[in-house]
Protein backbone atom coordinates (compact mmCIF):
# COMPACT_ATOMS: atom_id res chain seq x y z
CA UNK A 1 0.00 0.00 0.00
CA UNK A 2 1.43 3.33 -1.09
CA UNK A 3 1.65 6.12 1.47
CA UNK A 4 0.43 9.54 0.38
CA UNK A 5 3.01 12.21 1.24
CA UNK A 6 2.21 15.91 1.21
CA UNK A 7 4.59 18.87 0.88
CA UNK A 8 3.23 22.37 1.43
CA UNK A 9 4.21 26.04 1.54
CA UNK A 10 2.43 29.33 2.18
CA UNK A 11 2.13 31.46 -0.98
CA UNK A 12 -0.33 33.81 -2.70
CA UNK A 13 -2.20 34.42 0.53
CA UNK A 14 -2.93 30.72 0.94
CA UNK A 15 -1.38 27.28 1.33
CA UNK A 16 -0.12 25.35 -1.69
CA UNK A 17 0.18 21.59 -1.21
CA UNK A 18 1.43 18.71 -3.35
CA UNK A 19 0.31 15.15 -2.59
CA UNK A 20 1.97 12.09 -4.17
CA UNK A 21 2.73 8.42 -3.45
CA UNK A 22 5.98 8.30 -1.51
CA UNK A 23 6.99 4.74 -2.43
CA UNK A 24 6.30 5.26 -6.13
CA UNK A 25 8.21 8.54 -6.34
CA UNK A 26 11.33 8.60 -4.12
CA UNK A 27 12.27 11.84 -5.90
CA UNK A 28 8.88 13.33 -5.05
CA UNK A 29 9.93 15.61 -2.19
CA UNK A 30 12.63 17.27 -4.27
CA UNK A 31 10.18 17.61 -7.15
CA UNK A 32 7.51 19.13 -4.90
CA UNK A 33 9.94 21.68 -3.48
CA UNK A 34 10.99 22.62 -7.01
CA UNK A 35 7.32 23.11 -7.93
CA UNK A 36 6.66 25.24 -4.85
CA UNK A 37 9.68 27.39 -5.71
CA UNK A 38 7.96 28.01 -9.05
CA UNK A 39 4.80 29.19 -7.23
CA UNK A 40 6.92 31.68 -5.29
CA UNK A 41 8.51 32.91 -8.52
CA UNK A 42 5.10 33.51 -10.06
CA UNK A 43 3.93 35.41 -7.00
CA UNK A 44 6.84 37.79 -7.60
CA UNK A 45 5.62 38.26 -11.16
CA UNK A 46 1.85 38.55 -10.61
CA UNK A 47 1.30 40.10 -7.19
CA UNK A 48 -0.15 43.63 -7.03
CA UNK A 49 0.98 43.74 -3.39
CA UNK A 50 4.67 43.69 -4.34
CA UNK A 51 5.98 47.04 -5.56
CA UNK A 52 8.71 45.30 -7.57
CA UNK A 53 6.51 42.76 -9.38
CA UNK A 54 6.35 42.69 -13.16
CA UNK A 55 2.60 43.34 -13.10
CA UNK A 56 3.05 46.44 -10.96
CA UNK A 57 5.56 47.75 -13.50
CA UNK A 58 3.00 47.12 -16.25
CA UNK A 59 0.30 48.92 -14.24
CA UNK A 60 2.51 51.98 -13.75
CA UNK A 61 3.73 52.33 -17.33
CA UNK A 62 1.42 50.64 -19.87
CA UNK A 63 -0.83 53.71 -20.23
CA UNK A 64 2.21 55.70 -21.45
CA UNK A 65 3.72 53.22 -23.90
CA UNK A 66 3.58 49.54 -24.90
CA UNK A 67 5.36 47.31 -22.37
CA UNK A 68 7.27 44.23 -23.61
CA UNK A 69 6.29 40.93 -21.96
CA UNK A 70 7.75 37.46 -21.90
CA UNK A 71 5.77 34.62 -23.45
CA UNK A 72 4.48 33.44 -20.06
CA UNK A 73 2.84 36.70 -18.94
CA UNK A 74 1.68 37.60 -22.44
CA UNK A 75 0.00 34.20 -22.77
CA UNK A 76 -1.77 34.57 -19.43
CA UNK A 77 -3.15 38.01 -20.29
CA UNK A 78 -4.21 36.71 -23.70
CA UNK A 79 -6.13 33.83 -22.14
CA UNK A 80 -7.81 36.15 -19.63
CA UNK A 81 -8.85 38.45 -22.47
CA UNK A 82 -10.28 35.54 -24.41
CA UNK A 83 -12.35 34.39 -21.42
CA UNK A 84 -13.56 37.95 -20.84
CA UNK A 85 -14.81 38.01 -24.43
CA UNK A 86 -16.44 34.57 -24.19
CA UNK A 87 -18.27 35.47 -20.96
CA UNK A 88 -19.30 38.99 -22.02
CA UNK A 89 -17.02 40.55 -19.42
CA UNK A 90 -18.18 38.49 -16.43
CA UNK A 91 -14.51 37.92 -15.52
CA UNK A 92 -12.20 40.88 -16.09
CA UNK A 93 -8.59 41.32 -14.94
CA UNK A 94 -9.03 45.11 -14.96
CA UNK A 95 -11.64 44.99 -12.16
CA UNK A 96 -9.17 45.83 -9.36
CA UNK A 97 -10.51 49.39 -8.86
CA UNK A 98 -13.94 47.94 -7.99
CA UNK A 99 -12.41 45.52 -5.49
CA UNK A 100 -10.66 48.48 -3.86
CA UNK A 101 -13.63 50.84 -3.74
CA UNK A 102 -15.75 48.20 -2.02
CA UNK A 103 -13.04 47.80 0.65
CA UNK A 104 -12.10 44.20 -0.11
CA UNK A 105 -8.46 45.09 -0.85
CA UNK A 106 -8.19 45.87 2.87
CA UNK A 107 -10.30 42.82 3.79
CA UNK A 108 -12.98 45.10 5.19
CA UNK A 109 -16.19 45.95 3.40
CA UNK A 110 -17.64 49.37 2.76
CA UNK A 111 -20.44 50.85 0.68
CA UNK A 112 -18.93 53.19 -1.94
CA UNK A 113 -20.59 56.47 -2.81
CA UNK A 114 -22.16 56.82 -6.26
CA UNK A 115 -19.26 59.04 -7.32
CA UNK A 116 -16.64 56.58 -6.04
CA UNK A 117 -18.34 53.73 -7.87
CA UNK A 118 -18.67 55.72 -11.09
CA UNK A 119 -14.99 56.70 -10.98
CA UNK A 120 -13.92 53.09 -10.41
CA UNK A 121 -16.13 51.77 -13.22
CA UNK A 122 -14.58 54.22 -15.66
CA UNK A 123 -11.26 52.37 -15.23
CA UNK A 124 -12.71 48.86 -15.63
CA UNK A 125 -13.09 47.21 -19.02
CA UNK A 126 -10.93 44.47 -20.50
CA UNK A 127 -11.22 46.24 -23.87
CA UNK A 128 -8.95 49.00 -22.52
CA UNK A 129 -6.11 46.42 -22.64
CA UNK A 130 -4.42 46.15 -26.05
CA UNK A 131 -2.15 43.22 -26.87
CA UNK A 132 0.27 43.22 -29.80
CA UNK A 133 0.89 39.56 -30.57
CA UNK A 134 3.72 40.20 -33.02
CA UNK A 135 5.65 42.52 -30.70
CA UNK A 136 4.57 40.71 -27.48
CA UNK A 137 3.56 43.98 -25.81
CA UNK A 138 0.66 45.24 -23.72
CA UNK A 139 -0.71 48.78 -23.70
CA UNK A 140 -3.53 50.42 -21.78
CA UNK A 141 -5.77 52.64 -23.86
CA UNK A 142 -6.83 54.70 -20.85
CA UNK A 143 -5.02 56.08 -17.77
CA UNK A 144 -6.00 54.42 -14.51
CA UNK A 145 -6.43 50.94 -16.00
CA UNK A 146 -4.61 48.23 -14.05
CA UNK A 147 -4.26 44.46 -14.11
CA UNK A 148 -5.11 42.25 -11.16
CA UNK A 149 -4.77 38.47 -11.38
CA UNK A 150 -6.64 37.61 -8.19
CA UNK A 151 -9.20 35.68 -10.25
CA UNK A 152 -6.63 33.42 -11.90
CA UNK A 153 -3.22 33.60 -10.18
CA UNK A 154 -3.47 30.42 -8.12
CA UNK A 155 -4.77 28.33 -10.98
CA UNK A 156 -2.07 29.62 -13.32
CA UNK A 157 0.60 28.89 -10.69
CA UNK A 158 -0.65 25.29 -10.39
CA UNK A 159 -0.47 24.73 -14.14
CA UNK A 160 3.03 26.18 -14.49
CA UNK A 161 4.44 24.56 -11.33
CA UNK A 162 2.99 21.17 -12.27
CA UNK A 163 5.40 21.07 -15.20
CA UNK A 164 8.26 21.01 -12.70
CA UNK A 165 6.82 17.87 -11.11
CA UNK A 166 6.40 16.22 -14.50
CA UNK A 167 10.00 17.18 -15.29
CA UNK A 168 11.04 15.06 -12.31
CA UNK A 169 9.04 12.12 -13.75
CA UNK A 170 6.26 12.50 -11.17
CA UNK A 171 3.18 11.73 -13.28
CA UNK A 172 0.46 11.20 -10.66
CA UNK A 173 -0.13 13.88 -8.03
CA UNK A 174 -2.72 16.22 -6.57
CA UNK A 175 -1.73 19.89 -6.34
CA UNK A 176 -3.91 22.54 -4.73
CA UNK A 177 -3.62 26.22 -3.94
CA UNK A 178 -5.67 27.20 -0.91
CA UNK A 179 -8.19 24.39 -1.66
CA UNK A 180 -10.18 26.65 -4.02
CA UNK A 181 -7.96 25.62 -6.98
CA UNK A 182 -7.03 21.97 -7.49
CA UNK A 183 -5.08 20.23 -10.24
CA UNK A 184 -5.24 16.42 -10.50
CA UNK A 185 -2.59 14.75 -12.65
CA UNK A 186 -3.14 11.05 -13.24
CA UNK A 187 -6.26 9.02 -12.56
CA UNK A 188 -8.88 8.60 -9.87
CA UNK A 189 -8.34 11.47 -7.47
CA UNK A 190 -11.40 12.15 -5.32
CA UNK A 191 -11.87 15.82 -4.47
CA UNK A 192 -14.48 17.34 -2.18
CA UNK A 193 -16.39 20.55 -2.94
CA UNK A 194 -16.85 22.75 0.13
CA UNK A 195 -20.33 23.53 1.38
CA UNK A 196 -20.93 27.28 0.86
CA UNK A 197 -23.16 27.59 3.93
CA UNK A 198 -21.38 25.34 6.45
CA UNK A 199 -17.63 25.92 6.79
CA UNK A 200 -15.70 22.68 7.18
CA UNK A 201 -18.35 20.49 5.53
CA UNK A 202 -18.41 19.03 2.03
CA UNK A 203 -21.23 19.46 -0.44
CA UNK A 204 -20.21 16.86 -3.03
CA UNK A 205 -17.30 14.65 -4.05
CA UNK A 206 -15.99 14.40 -7.61
CA UNK A 207 -13.48 12.01 -9.19
CA UNK A 208 -10.84 13.81 -11.25
CA UNK A 209 -8.47 12.39 -13.87
CA UNK A 210 -6.05 14.82 -15.53
CA UNK A 211 -8.42 17.68 -14.74
CA UNK A 212 -8.63 20.76 -12.59
CA UNK A 213 -11.27 22.11 -10.24
CA UNK A 214 -11.86 25.74 -9.31
CA UNK A 215 -14.38 27.09 -6.81
CA UNK A 216 -15.51 30.65 -6.23
CA UNK A 217 -17.57 31.46 -3.15
CA UNK A 218 -18.21 34.29 -0.75
CA UNK A 219 -18.45 32.39 2.54
CA UNK A 220 -15.18 33.86 3.81
CA UNK A 221 -15.11 37.33 2.23
CA UNK A 222 -18.31 39.33 2.59
CA UNK A 223 -19.90 41.96 4.78
CA UNK A 224 -23.40 42.93 5.84
CA UNK A 225 -24.95 46.37 5.71
CA UNK A 226 -28.51 47.09 6.82
CA UNK A 227 -29.39 43.41 6.66
CA UNK A 228 -28.01 42.86 3.16
CA UNK A 229 -25.08 40.57 2.40
CA UNK A 230 -22.39 41.87 0.02
CA UNK A 231 -20.02 39.40 -1.67
CA UNK A 232 -16.38 40.16 -2.54
CA UNK A 233 -17.02 38.80 -6.04
CA UNK A 234 -18.07 41.83 -8.05
CA UNK A 235 -19.73 41.97 -11.46
CA UNK A 236 -17.22 44.03 -13.50
CA UNK A 237 -19.98 45.27 -15.79
CA UNK A 238 -22.15 46.84 -13.11
CA UNK A 239 -19.69 47.40 -10.25
CA UNK A 240 -22.08 45.64 -7.87
CA UNK A 241 -21.36 42.49 -5.81
CA UNK A 242 -22.81 39.41 -7.50
CA UNK A 243 -26.03 38.11 -5.92
CA UNK A 244 -28.02 34.91 -5.98
CA UNK A 245 -25.07 32.49 -6.22
CA UNK A 246 -23.48 31.01 -3.10
CA UNK A 247 -20.71 29.11 -4.87
CA UNK A 248 -19.67 28.12 -8.37
CA UNK A 249 -17.39 25.13 -9.01
CA UNK A 250 -15.90 24.36 -12.42
CA UNK A 251 -14.17 21.25 -13.79
CA UNK A 252 -11.86 22.12 -16.70
CA UNK A 253 -8.77 20.79 -18.49
CA UNK A 254 -6.48 23.33 -16.75
CA UNK A 255 -6.43 25.05 -13.38
CA UNK A 256 -6.11 28.45 -15.10
CA UNK A 257 -9.33 27.89 -17.00
CA UNK A 258 -11.15 26.38 -14.00
CA UNK A 259 -10.36 29.38 -11.79
CA UNK A 260 -11.26 31.98 -14.41
CA UNK A 261 -14.54 30.27 -15.20
CA UNK A 262 -15.53 29.76 -11.55
CA UNK A 263 -15.35 33.54 -11.09
CA UNK A 264 -17.25 34.17 -14.31
CA UNK A 265 -19.93 31.60 -13.47
CA UNK A 266 -20.45 33.12 -10.02
CA UNK A 267 -21.35 36.35 -11.81
CA UNK A 268 -23.22 34.88 -14.80
CA UNK A 269 -25.85 32.78 -13.05
CA UNK A 270 -27.32 29.39 -14.06
CA UNK A 271 -28.86 30.19 -17.46
CA UNK A 272 -25.63 31.56 -18.94
CA UNK A 273 -23.60 28.78 -17.27
CA UNK A 274 -25.80 26.18 -18.95
CA UNK A 275 -25.29 27.81 -22.34
CA UNK A 276 -21.51 27.97 -21.85
CA UNK A 277 -21.19 24.32 -20.79
CA UNK A 278 -23.35 23.21 -23.70
CA UNK A 279 -21.03 25.04 -26.13
CA UNK A 280 -17.92 23.70 -24.36
CA UNK A 281 -18.34 19.99 -23.58
CA UNK A 282 -14.97 19.79 -21.80
CA UNK A 283 -16.35 22.07 -19.05
CA UNK A 284 -18.63 20.97 -16.19
CA UNK A 285 -19.99 23.05 -13.32
CA UNK A 286 -21.90 22.95 -10.05
CA UNK A 287 -23.74 26.07 -8.97
CA UNK A 288 -25.26 26.53 -5.50
CA UNK A 289 -28.00 29.15 -5.55
CA UNK A 290 -29.79 31.02 -2.80
CA UNK A 291 -33.30 29.70 -2.43
CA UNK A 292 -36.08 31.95 -3.66
CA UNK A 293 -38.33 30.41 -1.01
CA UNK A 294 -36.46 31.61 2.06
CA UNK A 295 -34.24 29.03 3.78
CA UNK A 296 -32.23 26.38 1.97
CA UNK A 297 -30.59 26.41 -1.42
CA UNK A 298 -30.75 24.93 -4.90
CA UNK A 299 -27.96 22.95 -6.55
CA UNK A 300 -27.65 23.02 -10.34
CA UNK A 301 -25.14 20.86 -12.21
CA UNK A 302 -24.07 21.24 -15.82
CA UNK A 303 -22.08 19.02 -18.16
CA UNK A 304 -21.54 16.06 -15.81
CA UNK A 305 -21.94 12.46 -16.92
CA UNK A 306 -24.61 10.57 -15.00
CA UNK A 307 -23.33 9.23 -11.67
CA UNK A 308 -20.17 11.31 -11.57
CA UNK A 309 -21.41 13.66 -8.83
CA UNK A 310 -21.93 12.26 -5.34
CA UNK A 311 -24.12 14.38 -3.10
CA UNK A 312 -23.04 13.96 0.51
CA UNK A 313 -25.41 13.48 3.45
CA UNK A 314 -27.29 15.17 5.03
CA UNK A 315 -27.72 17.07 1.76
CA UNK A 316 -29.69 14.20 0.29
CA UNK A 317 -32.33 15.01 2.91
CA UNK A 318 -34.66 17.99 2.69
CA UNK A 319 -32.97 21.30 3.48
CA UNK A 320 -35.30 23.95 2.17
CA UNK A 321 -35.28 23.94 -1.63
CA UNK A 322 -32.39 21.55 -2.25
CA UNK A 323 -32.35 19.69 -5.55
CA UNK A 324 -30.05 18.74 -8.42
CA UNK A 325 -31.02 19.74 -11.93
CA UNK A 326 -29.10 18.09 -14.80
CA UNK A 327 -27.92 19.93 -17.88
CA UNK A 328 -30.89 19.66 -20.27
CA UNK A 329 -30.11 22.32 -22.87
């Protein structure tokens, strides 16, 4: 019987952890440390909290002139721009000003004034970011635009760092970044999806094989004002916190894509999610919605083969309006 060994490190405001079979991969610890070094390197590149990061340099200068990028960062921005287009702007790496004006950058919520919100929205639109594929440059078409990779950084780090593990001939492992982003390499990894209303409990379990899982939820970052709950996940098109969705979980071929889409799906809601999954059969999703009947919740699933989702007790029992609806588009 193989023993599962885990190696972890704090990074990107969370805990990254690699799990692998110790007996099968005697080189696994060295490989895991190499991969975690790669996560740290990417944090230096992507973090908006580091004054010397590459992204901060882009944010300070790209409105004045095109900024050259390496293939790695250019490719990430390009993928984010593509997803913004596909989701009609539901996920947008220029939405940092909204995150700030609502107080979430300081991990404390506040209601912005109409003027503050209007000013922030004027700086938010992925179409203000211009990429030159031939020259490998990025330019902002408006002053005040900035990039923030909070909606994709962990997933991207998992994808890039996983290549280090594969380079050490480790070909079956589970790699997660703060539990909200998970990359499964190899077959038959069982991953739990957190319950959005009960911290520490699982909602479902899913078997992953060479796939990634990303979850967006507001159970840990939100605030209440006059009885209303405000999520830290903000619709970039309106500037308002997304409502009606408690969590959105996506299964995708890469962790980058899973994390981007989980944020987009949290904003889009079930009808648009269903359309997206129907057009993209390699994507599956679980969406937990606030009940319209008071207490409880509704679970919608999209793109899953029959029997792949396992609903965990006591969720199989009545809890308000709790049901699973298959993808029927």
